[in-house]
PDB file of all heavy atoms in Angstrom:
ATOM      1  N   GLY A   1       0.754  -1.246   0.012  1.00  0.00           N
ATOM      2  CA  GLY A   1      -0.071   0.037  -0.047  1.00  0.00           C
ATOM      3  C   GLY A   1       0.864   1.237  -0.048  1.00  0.00           C
ATOM      4  O   GLY A   1       2.015   1.203  -0.464  1.00  0.00           O
ATOM      5  N   VAL A   2       0.199   2.340   0.478  1.00  0.00           N
ATOM      6  CA  VAL A   2       0.762   3.719   0.539  1.00  0.00           C
ATOM      7  C   VAL A   2       0.931   4.125   1.937  1.00  0.00           C
ATOM      8  O   VAL A   2      -0.009   3.871   2.703  1.00  0.00           O
ATOM      9  CB  VAL A   2      -0.182   4.629  -0.272  1.00  0.00           C
ATOM     10  CG1 VAL A   2       0.435   6.055  -0.134  1.00  0.00           C
ATOM     11  CG2 VAL A   2      -0.265   4.255  -1.746  1.00  0.00           C
ATOM     12  N   TYR A   3       2.089   4.607   2.274  1.00  0.00           N
ATOM     13  CA  TYR A   3       2.363   5.171   3.549  1.00  0.00           C
ATOM     14  C   TYR A   3       2.603   6.777   3.489  1.00  0.00           C
ATOM     15  O   TYR A   3       3.464   7.184   2.647  1.00  0.00           O
ATOM     16  CB  TYR A   3       3.555   4.518   4.276  1.00  0.00           C
ATOM     17  CG  TYR A   3       3.889   4.943   5.664  1.00  0.00           C
ATOM     18  CD1 TYR A   3       3.074   4.394   6.591  1.00  0.00           C
ATOM     19  CD2 TYR A   3       4.879   5.779   5.960  1.00  0.00           C
ATOM     20  CE1 TYR A   3       3.225   4.807   7.953  1.00  0.00           C
ATOM     21  CE2 TYR A   3       5.132   6.264   7.173  1.00  0.00           C
ATOM     22  CZ  TYR A   3       4.321   5.659   8.272  1.00  0.00           C
ATOM     23  OH  TYR A   3       4.600   6.021   9.510  1.00  0.00           O
ATOM     24  N   LYS A   4       1.744   7.611   4.117  1.00  0.00           N
ATOM     25  CA  LYS A   4       1.845   8.956   4.178  1.00  0.00           C
ATOM     26  C   LYS A   4       2.338   9.634   5.416  1.00  0.00           C
ATOM     27  O   LYS A   4       1.810   9.384   6.533  1.00  0.00           O
ATOM     28  CB  LYS A   4       0.514   9.533   3.660  1.00  0.00           C
ATOM     29  CG  LYS A   4       0.023   9.181   2.323  1.00  0.00           C
ATOM     30  CD  LYS A   4      -1.405   9.784   2.202  1.00  0.00           C
ATOM     31  CE  LYS A   4      -1.992   9.331   0.767  1.00  0.00           C
ATOM     32  NZ  LYS A   4      -3.187   9.970   0.495  1.00  0.00           N
ATOM     33  N   GLY A   5       3.430  10.454   5.314  1.00  0.00           N
ATOM     34  CA  GLY A   5       3.834  11.152   6.472  1.00  0.00           C
ATOM     35  C   GLY A   5       3.328  12.544   6.372  1.00  0.00           C
ATOM     36  O   GLY A   5       2.253  12.766   5.669  1.00  0.00           O
ATOM     37  N   GLU A   6       3.786  13.560   7.114  1.00  0.00           N
ATOM     38  CA  GLU A   6       3.313  14.820   7.159  1.00  0.00           C
ATOM     39  C   GLU A   6       3.881  15.677   6.048  1.00  0.00           C
ATOM     40  O   GLU A   6       3.191  16.532   5.474  1.00  0.00           O
ATOM     41  CB  GLU A   6       3.718  15.551   8.517  1.00  0.00           C
ATOM     42  CG  GLU A   6       3.002  14.947   9.766  1.00  0.00           C
ATOM     43  CD  GLU A   6       3.453  15.674  11.035  1.00  0.00           C
ATOM     44  OE1 GLU A   6       4.293  16.548  10.978  1.00  0.00           O
ATOM     45  OE2 GLU A   6       2.853  15.206  11.966  1.00  0.00           O
ATOM     46  N   LEU A   7       4.921  15.260   5.334  1.00  0.00           N
ATOM     47  CA  LEU A   7       5.493  15.906   4.204  1.00  0.00           C
ATOM     48  C   LEU A   7       5.515  15.078   2.923  1.00  0.00           C
ATOM     49  O   LEU A   7       5.658  15.706   1.876  1.00  0.00           O
ATOM     50  CB  LEU A   7       6.875  16.526   4.424  1.00  0.00           C
ATOM     51  CG  LEU A   7       6.992  17.369   5.695  1.00  0.00           C
ATOM     52  CD1 LEU A   7       8.517  17.743   6.029  1.00  0.00           C
ATOM     53  CD2 LEU A   7       6.189  18.772   5.420  1.00  0.00           C
ATOM     54  N   THR A   8       5.554  13.899   3.006  1.00  0.00           N
ATOM     55  CA  THR A   8       5.802  13.068   1.740  1.00  0.00           C
ATOM     56  C   THR A   8       5.152  11.736   1.987  1.00  0.00           C
ATOM     57  O   THR A   8       4.618  11.415   3.071  1.00  0.00           O
ATOM     58  CB  THR A   8       7.331  12.799   1.623  1.00  0.00           C
ATOM     59  OG1 THR A   8       7.616  12.124   0.410  1.00  0.00           O
ATOM     60  CG2 THR A   8       8.004  12.021   2.892  1.00  0.00           C
ATOM     61  N   GLU A   9       5.204  10.885   1.015  1.00  0.00           N
ATOM     62  CA  GLU A   9       4.594   9.460   1.011  1.00  0.00           C
ATOM     63  C   GLU A   9       5.498   8.516   0.311  1.00  0.00           C
ATOM     64  O   GLU A   9       6.283   8.851  -0.506  1.00  0.00           O
ATOM     65  CB  GLU A   9       3.119   9.623   0.355  1.00  0.00           C
ATOM     66  CG  GLU A   9       3.082   9.751  -1.086  1.00  0.00           C
ATOM     67  CD  GLU A   9       1.698   9.725  -1.512  1.00  0.00           C
ATOM     68  OE1 GLU A   9       0.778  10.502  -1.083  1.00  0.00           O
ATOM     69  OE2 GLU A   9       1.304   8.940  -2.424  1.00  0.00           O
ATOM     70  N   GLY A  10       5.274   7.243   0.637  1.00  0.00           N
ATOM     71  CA  GLY A  10       6.015   6.122   0.085  1.00  0.00           C
ATOM     72  C   GLY A  10       5.310   4.884   0.193  1.00  0.00           C
ATOM     73  O   GLY A  10       3.934   4.930   0.256  1.00  0.00           O
ATOM     74  N   ASN A  11       5.856   3.758  -0.063  1.00  0.00           N
ATOM     75  CA  ASN A  11       5.302   2.471  -0.111  1.00  0.00           C
ATOM     76  C   ASN A  11       5.303   1.801   1.325  1.00  0.00           C
ATOM     77  O   ASN A  11       6.046   2.194   2.091  1.00  0.00           O
ATOM     78  CB  ASN A  11       6.020   1.538  -1.110  1.00  0.00           C
ATOM     79  CG  ASN A  11       5.974   1.999  -2.431  1.00  0.00           C
ATOM     80  OD1 ASN A  11       4.940   2.575  -2.902  1.00  0.00           O
ATOM     81  ND2 ASN A  11       6.960   1.937  -3.171  1.00  0.00           N
ATOM     82  N   LEU A  12       4.318   0.791   1.429  1.00  0.00           N
ATOM     83  CA  LEU A  12       4.533   0.048   2.531  1.00  0.00           C
ATOM     84  C   LEU A  12       4.307  -1.499   2.400  1.00  0.00           C
ATOM     85  O   LEU A  12       3.682  -1.800   1.268  1.00  0.00           O
ATOM     86  CB  LEU A  12       3.320   0.403   3.723  1.00  0.00           C
ATOM     87  CG  LEU A  12       1.849   0.121   3.520  1.00  0.00           C
ATOM     88  CD1 LEU A  12       1.468  -1.204   3.624  1.00  0.00           C
ATOM     89  CD2 LEU A  12       1.085   1.142   4.180  1.00  0.00           C
ATOM     90  N   ARG A  13       4.860  -2.305   3.102  1.00  0.00           N
ATOM     91  CA  ARG A  13       4.707  -3.750   2.889  1.00  0.00           C
ATOM     92  C   ARG A  13       4.746  -4.365   4.331  1.00  0.00           C
ATOM     93  O   ARG A  13       5.389  -3.899   5.356  1.00  0.00           O
ATOM     94  CB  ARG A  13       5.987  -4.320   2.168  1.00  0.00           C
ATOM     95  CG  ARG A  13       6.082  -4.029   0.779  1.00  0.00           C
ATOM     96  CD  ARG A  13       7.036  -4.881   0.000  1.00  0.00           C
ATOM     97  NE  ARG A  13       8.437  -4.452   0.010  1.00  0.00           N
ATOM     98  CZ  ARG A  13       8.865  -3.449  -0.554  1.00  0.00           C
ATOM     99  NH1 ARG A  13       8.044  -2.808  -1.404  1.00  0.00           N
ATOM    100  NH2 ARG A  13      10.165  -2.998  -0.569  1.00  0.00           N
ATOM    101  N   GLY A  14       3.928  -5.488   4.459  1.00  0.00           N
ATOM    102  CA  GLY A  14       3.890  -6.192   5.689  1.00  0.00           C
ATOM    103  C   GLY A  14       3.047  -7.430   5.661  1.00  0.00           C
ATOM    104  O   GLY A  14       2.706  -7.920   4.666  1.00  0.00           O
ATOM    105  N   LYS A  15       2.810  -7.721   6.931  1.00  0.00           N
ATOM    106  CA  LYS A  15       1.885  -9.070   7.047  1.00  0.00           C
ATOM    107  C   LYS A  15       0.881  -8.845   8.214  1.00  0.00           C
ATOM    108  O   LYS A  15       1.331  -8.112   9.177  1.00  0.00           O
ATOM    109  CB  LYS A  15       2.691 -10.330   7.291  1.00  0.00           C
ATOM    110  CG  LYS A  15       3.516 -10.825   6.167  1.00  0.00           C
ATOM    111  CD  LYS A  15       4.053 -12.244   6.420  1.00  0.00           C
ATOM    112  CE  LYS A  15       4.708 -12.738   5.240  1.00  0.00           C
ATOM    113  NZ  LYS A  15       3.807 -13.247   4.135  1.00  0.00           N
ATOM    114  N   VAL A  16      -0.168  -9.647   8.153  1.00  0.00           N
ATOM    115  CA  VAL A  16      -1.012  -9.676   9.192  1.00  0.00           C
ATOM    116  C   VAL A  16      -1.390 -11.199   9.528  1.00  0.00           C
ATOM    117  O   VAL A  16      -1.619 -11.829   8.548  1.00  0.00           O
ATOM    118  CB  VAL A  16      -2.401  -8.896   9.057  1.00  0.00           C
ATOM    119  CG1 VAL A  16      -2.993  -9.354   7.807  1.00  0.00           C
ATOM    120  CG2 VAL A  16      -3.270  -8.932  10.166  1.00  0.00           C
ATOM    121  N   GLN A  17      -1.250 -11.475  10.816  1.00  0.00           N
ATOM    122  CA  GLN A  17      -1.279 -12.937  11.232  1.00  0.00           C
ATOM    123  C   GLN A  17      -2.095 -12.959  12.554  1.00  0.00           C
ATOM    124  O   GLN A  17      -1.565 -12.319  13.557  1.00  0.00           O
ATOM    125  CB  GLN A  17       0.011 -13.593  11.253  1.00  0.00           C
ATOM    126  CG  GLN A  17       0.724 -13.805   9.962  1.00  0.00           C
ATOM    127  CD  GLN A  17       2.039 -14.484  10.082  1.00  0.00           C
ATOM    128  OE1 GLN A  17       2.852 -14.226  11.013  1.00  0.00           O
ATOM    129  NE2 GLN A  17       2.409 -15.303   9.262  1.00  0.00           N
ATOM    130  N   GLY A  18      -3.237 -13.672  12.547  1.00  0.00           N
ATOM    131  CA  GLY A  18      -4.042 -13.570  13.664  1.00  0.00           C
ATOM    132  C   GLY A  18      -4.396 -12.051  14.015  1.00  0.00           C
ATOM    133  O   GLY A  18      -4.726 -11.301  13.017  1.00  0.00           O
ATOM    134  N   ASN A  19      -4.188 -11.704  15.226  1.00  0.00           N
ATOM    135  CA  ASN A  19      -4.525 -10.259  15.556  1.00  0.00           C
ATOM    136  C   ASN A  19      -3.255  -9.387  15.572  1.00  0.00           C
ATOM    137  O   ASN A  19      -3.245  -8.281  16.109  1.00  0.00           O
ATOM    138  CB  ASN A  19      -5.306 -10.113  16.846  1.00  0.00           C
ATOM    139  CG  ASN A  19      -4.497 -10.518  18.072  1.00  0.00           C
ATOM    140  OD1 ASN A  19      -3.390 -11.207  17.985  1.00  0.00           O
ATOM    141  ND2 ASN A  19      -4.966 -10.128  19.243  1.00  0.00           N
ATOM    142  N   THR A  20      -2.111 -10.049  15.033  1.00  0.00           N
ATOM    143  CA  THR A  20      -0.890  -9.335  14.968  1.00  0.00           C
ATOM    144  C   THR A  20      -0.457  -8.654  13.582  1.00  0.00           C
ATOM    145  O   THR A  20      -0.686  -9.354  12.602  1.00  0.00           O
ATOM    146  CB  THR A  20       0.248 -10.151  15.338  1.00  0.00           C
ATOM    147  OG1 THR A  20       0.030 -10.681  16.633  1.00  0.00           O
ATOM    148  CG2 THR A  20       1.690  -9.481  15.379  1.00  0.00           C
ATOM    149  N   ILE A  21      -0.211  -7.448  13.577  1.00  0.00           N
ATOM    150  CA  ILE A  21       0.282  -6.860  12.420  1.00  0.00           C
ATOM    151  C   ILE A  21       1.645  -6.357  12.374  1.00  0.00           C
ATOM    152  O   ILE A  21       2.114  -5.990  13.487  1.00  0.00           O
ATOM    153  CB  ILE A  21      -0.798  -5.613  11.970  1.00  0.00           C
ATOM    154  CG1 ILE A  21      -0.446  -5.099  10.595  1.00  0.00           C
ATOM    155  CG2 ILE A  21      -0.515  -4.618  13.056  1.00  0.00           C
ATOM    156  CD1 ILE A  21      -1.525  -4.159  10.055  1.00  0.00           C
ATOM    157  N   ASP A  22       2.353  -6.535  11.248  1.00  0.00           N
ATOM    158  CA  ASP A  22       3.735  -6.215  11.204  1.00  0.00           C
ATOM    159  C   ASP A  22       4.024  -5.558   9.803  1.00  0.00           C
ATOM    160  O   ASP A  22       3.764  -6.278   8.782  1.00  0.00           O
ATOM    161  CB  ASP A  22       4.667  -7.437  11.362  1.00  0.00           C
ATOM    162  CG  ASP A  22       6.121  -7.108  11.467  1.00  0.00           C
ATOM    163  OD1 ASP A  22       6.645  -6.604  10.492  1.00  0.00           O
ATOM    164  OD2 ASP A  22       6.696  -7.415  12.603  1.00  0.00           O
ATOM    165  N   PHE A  23       4.304  -4.314   9.696  1.00  0.00           N
ATOM    166  CA  PHE A  23       4.615  -3.706   8.369  1.00  0.00           C
ATOM    167  C   PHE A  23       5.540  -2.484   8.599  1.00  0.00           C
ATOM    168  O   PHE A  23       5.785  -1.969   9.617  1.00  0.00           O
ATOM    169  CB  PHE A  23       3.190  -3.240   7.813  1.00  0.00           C
ATOM    170  CG  PHE A  23       2.688  -1.976   8.551  1.00  0.00           C
ATOM    171  CD1 PHE A  23       2.895  -0.661   7.993  1.00  0.00           C
ATOM    172  CD2 PHE A  23       1.827  -1.980   9.585  1.00  0.00           C
ATOM    173  CE1 PHE A  23       2.352   0.509   8.614  1.00  0.00           C
ATOM    174  CE2 PHE A  23       1.268  -0.843  10.271  1.00  0.00           C
ATOM    175  CZ  PHE A  23       1.575   0.384   9.797  1.00  0.00           C
ATOM    176  N   THR A  24       6.080  -2.152   7.509  1.00  0.00           N
ATOM    177  CA  THR A  24       7.196  -1.064   7.301  1.00  0.00           C
ATOM    178  C   THR A  24       6.619  -0.123   6.251  1.00  0.00           C
ATOM    179  O   THR A  24       6.294  -0.427   5.212  1.00  0.00           O
ATOM    180  CB  THR A  24       8.491  -1.605   6.972  1.00  0.00           C
ATOM    181  OG1 THR A  24       8.818  -2.590   7.957  1.00  0.00           O
ATOM    182  CG2 THR A  24       9.484  -0.478   7.023  1.00  0.00           C
ATOM    183  N   GLY A  25       6.600   1.141   6.711  1.00  0.00           N
ATOM    184  CA  GLY A  25       6.313   2.302   5.710  1.00  0.00           C
ATOM    185  C   GLY A  25       7.668   3.027   5.557  1.00  0.00           C
ATOM    186  O   GLY A  25       8.445   3.235   6.376  1.00  0.00           O
ATOM    187  N   TYR A  26       7.841   3.308   4.231  1.00  0.00           N
ATOM    188  CA  TYR A  26       9.076   3.938   3.877  1.00  0.00           C
ATOM    189  C   TYR A  26       8.816   5.415   3.384  1.00  0.00           C
ATOM    190  O   TYR A  26       7.982   5.653   2.564  1.00  0.00           O
ATOM    191  CB  TYR A  26       9.661   3.217   2.620  1.00  0.00           C
ATOM    192  CG  TYR A  26       9.980   1.802   2.951  1.00  0.00           C
ATOM    193  CD1 TYR A  26       8.959   0.838   2.567  1.00  0.00           C
ATOM    194  CD2 TYR A  26      11.140   1.376   3.588  1.00  0.00           C
ATOM    195  CE1 TYR A  26       9.222  -0.596   2.894  1.00  0.00           C
ATOM    196  CE2 TYR A  26      11.296  -0.015   3.924  1.00  0.00           C
ATOM    197  CZ  TYR A  26      10.329  -0.938   3.599  1.00  0.00           C
ATOM    198  OH  TYR A  26      10.653  -2.281   3.827  1.00  0.00           O
ATOM    199  N   LEU A  27       9.611   6.366   3.905  1.00  0.00           N
ATOM    200  CA  LEU A  27       9.426   7.788   3.496  1.00  0.00           C
ATOM    201  C   LEU A  27      10.731   8.353   3.107  1.00  0.00           C
ATOM    202  O   LEU A  27      11.741   8.078   3.832  1.00  0.00           O
ATOM    203  CB  LEU A  27       8.814   8.646   4.778  1.00  0.00           C
ATOM    204  CG  LEU A  27       7.470   8.233   5.252  1.00  0.00           C
ATOM    205  CD1 LEU A  27       7.063   9.180   6.310  1.00  0.00           C
ATOM    206  CD2 LEU A  27       6.426   8.476   4.029  1.00  0.00           C
ATOM    207  N   HIS A  28      10.783   9.095   2.046  1.00  0.00           N
ATOM    208  CA  HIS A  28      12.033   9.771   1.671  1.00  0.00           C
ATOM    209  C   HIS A  28      11.733  11.209   1.401  1.00  0.00           C
ATOM    210  O   HIS A  28      10.556  11.601   0.774  1.00  0.00           O
ATOM    211  CB  HIS A  28      12.475   9.094   0.327  1.00  0.00           C
ATOM    212  CG  HIS A  28      12.956   7.672   0.519  1.00  0.00           C
ATOM    213  ND1 HIS A  28      14.062   7.232   0.956  1.00  0.00           N
ATOM    214  CD2 HIS A  28      12.206   6.558   0.173  1.00  0.00           C
ATOM    215  CE1 HIS A  28      14.101   5.970   1.001  1.00  0.00           C
ATOM    216  NE2 HIS A  28      12.925   5.514   0.582  1.00  0.00           N
ATOM    217  N   HIS A  29      12.690  12.086   1.739  1.00  0.00           N
ATOM    218  CA  HIS A  29      12.568  13.471   1.644  1.00  0.00           C
ATOM    219  C   HIS A  29      13.924  13.980   1.273  1.00  0.00           C
ATOM    220  O   HIS A  29      14.950  13.900   2.116  1.00  0.00           O
ATOM    221  CB  HIS A  29      12.097  14.148   2.888  1.00  0.00           C
ATOM    222  CG  HIS A  29      11.801  15.690   2.699  1.00  0.00           C
ATOM    223  ND1 HIS A  29      10.965  16.214   1.857  1.00  0.00           N
ATOM    224  CD2 HIS A  29      12.461  16.689   3.164  1.00  0.00           C
ATOM    225  CE1 HIS A  29      11.057  17.486   1.884  1.00  0.00           C
ATOM    226  NE2 HIS A  29      11.949  17.856   2.819  1.00  0.00           N
ATOM    227  N   GLU A  30      14.157  14.535   0.092  1.00  0.00           N
ATOM    228  CA  GLU A  30      15.363  14.915  -0.419  1.00  0.00           C
ATOM    229  C   GLU A  30      16.349  13.850  -0.338  1.00  0.00           C
ATOM    230  O   GLU A  30      16.158  12.819  -0.806  1.00  0.00           O
ATOM    231  CB  GLU A  30      15.813  16.162   0.232  1.00  0.00           C
ATOM    232  CG  GLU A  30      14.845  17.355   0.020  1.00  0.00           C
ATOM    233  CD  GLU A  30      15.391  18.679   0.739  1.00  0.00           C
ATOM    234  OE1 GLU A  30      16.363  18.770   1.244  1.00  0.00           O
ATOM    235  OE2 GLU A  30      14.498  19.676   0.490  1.00  0.00           O
ATOM    236  N   ALA A  31      17.496  13.854   0.370  1.00  0.00           N
ATOM    237  CA  ALA A  31      18.423  12.832   0.464  1.00  0.00           C
ATOM    238  C   ALA A  31      18.372  11.932   1.566  1.00  0.00           C
ATOM    239  O   ALA A  31      19.220  11.070   1.870  1.00  0.00           O
ATOM    240  CB  ALA A  31      19.868  13.398   0.306  1.00  0.00           C
ATOM    241  N   THR A  32      17.253  12.120   2.405  1.00  0.00           N
ATOM    242  CA  THR A  32      17.164  11.304   3.608  1.00  0.00           C
ATOM    243  C   THR A  32      15.891  10.370   3.553  1.00  0.00           C
ATOM    244  O   THR A  32      14.902  10.705   2.967  1.00  0.00           O
ATOM    245  CB  THR A  32      16.795  12.346   4.783  1.00  0.00           C
ATOM    246  OG1 THR A  32      17.846  13.328   4.918  1.00  0.00           O
ATOM    247  CG2 THR A  32      16.763  11.610   6.051  1.00  0.00           C
ATOM    248  N   GLY A  33      16.082   9.223   4.067  1.00  0.00           N
ATOM    249  CA  GLY A  33      15.039   8.285   4.004  1.00  0.00           C
ATOM    250  C   GLY A  33      14.870   7.635   5.486  1.00  0.00           C
ATOM    251  O   GLY A  33      15.764   7.434   6.223  1.00  0.00           O
ATOM    252  N   VAL A  34      13.601   7.328   5.855  1.00  0.00           N
ATOM    253  CA  VAL A  34      13.316   6.665   7.124  1.00  0.00           C
ATOM    254  C   VAL A  34      12.374   5.598   6.912  1.00  0.00           C
ATOM    255  O   VAL A  34      11.441   5.703   6.220  1.00  0.00           O
ATOM    256  CB  VAL A  34      12.756   7.748   8.151  1.00  0.00           C
ATOM    257  CG1 VAL A  34      12.379   7.034   9.393  1.00  0.00           C
ATOM    258  CG2 VAL A  34      13.671   9.023   8.369  1.00  0.00           C
ATOM    259  N   SER A  35      12.590   4.478   7.659  1.00  0.00           N
ATOM    260  CA  SER A  35      11.683   3.324   7.640  1.00  0.00           C
ATOM    261  C   SER A  35      10.995   3.330   9.021  1.00  0.00           C
ATOM    262  O   SER A  35      11.677   3.522   9.996  1.00  0.00           O
ATOM    263  CB  SER A  35      12.471   2.002   7.474  1.00  0.00           C
ATOM    264  OG  SER A  35      13.045   2.016   6.207  1.00  0.00           O
ATOM    265  N   PHE A  36       9.700   3.162   8.912  1.00  0.00           N
ATOM    266  CA  PHE A  36       8.812   3.079  10.212  1.00  0.00           C
ATOM    267  C   PHE A  36       8.274   1.672  10.180  1.00  0.00           C
ATOM    268  O   PHE A  36       7.488   1.199   9.464  1.00  0.00           O
ATOM    269  CB  PHE A  36       7.664   4.055   9.968  1.00  0.00           C
ATOM    270  CG  PHE A  36       7.979   5.484  10.122  1.00  0.00           C
ATOM    271  CD1 PHE A  36       8.567   6.036   8.870  1.00  0.00           C
ATOM    272  CD2 PHE A  36       7.923   6.215  11.204  1.00  0.00           C
ATOM    273  CE1 PHE A  36       8.678   7.403   8.852  1.00  0.00           C
ATOM    274  CE2 PHE A  36       8.295   7.578  11.188  1.00  0.00           C
ATOM    275  CZ  PHE A  36       8.620   8.157   9.925  1.00  0.00           C
ATOM    276  N   HIS A  37       9.088   0.789  11.069  1.00  0.00           N
ATOM    277  CA  HIS A  37       8.744  -0.444  11.296  1.00  0.00           C
ATOM    278  C   HIS A  37       7.620  -0.630  12.503  1.00  0.00           C
ATOM    279  O   HIS A  37       8.013  -0.563  13.581  1.00  0.00           O
ATOM    280  CB  HIS A  37       9.870  -1.343  11.579  1.00  0.00           C
ATOM    281  CG  HIS A  37       9.645  -2.903  11.677  1.00  0.00           C
ATOM    282  ND1 HIS A  37      10.515  -3.835  12.068  1.00  0.00           N
ATOM    283  CD2 HIS A  37       8.400  -3.602  11.364  1.00  0.00           C
ATOM    284  CE1 HIS A  37       9.940  -5.018  12.054  1.00  0.00           C
ATOM    285  NE2 HIS A  37       8.672  -4.842  11.552  1.00  0.00           N
ATOM    286  N   TYR A  38       6.401  -0.953  12.082  1.00  0.00           N
ATOM    287  CA  TYR A  38       5.333  -1.113  13.035  1.00  0.00           C
ATOM    288  C   TYR A  38       5.080  -2.618  13.469  1.00  0.00           C
ATOM    289  O   TYR A  38       5.114  -3.483  12.534  1.00  0.00           O
ATOM    290  CB  TYR A  38       3.982  -0.739  12.402  1.00  0.00           C
ATOM    291  CG  TYR A  38       3.825   0.815  12.129  1.00  0.00           C
ATOM    292  CD1 TYR A  38       4.581   1.411  11.127  1.00  0.00           C
ATOM    293  CD2 TYR A  38       3.264   1.690  13.104  1.00  0.00           C
ATOM    294  CE1 TYR A  38       4.476   2.777  10.840  1.00  0.00           C
ATOM    295  CE2 TYR A  38       3.052   3.032  12.806  1.00  0.00           C
ATOM    296  CZ  TYR A  38       3.650   3.580  11.674  1.00  0.00           C
ATOM    297  OH  TYR A  38       3.558   4.977  11.495  1.00  0.00           O
TER     298      TYR A  38
END
């Protein structure tokens, strides 16, 4: 899917098993990137 921050957006990937969710959203702004692992 799509992951949106306050300034930019990127892709997300993950899994849901039972009532547990595990996904990572990726945001890039200029030369910097951050992964948000939930």
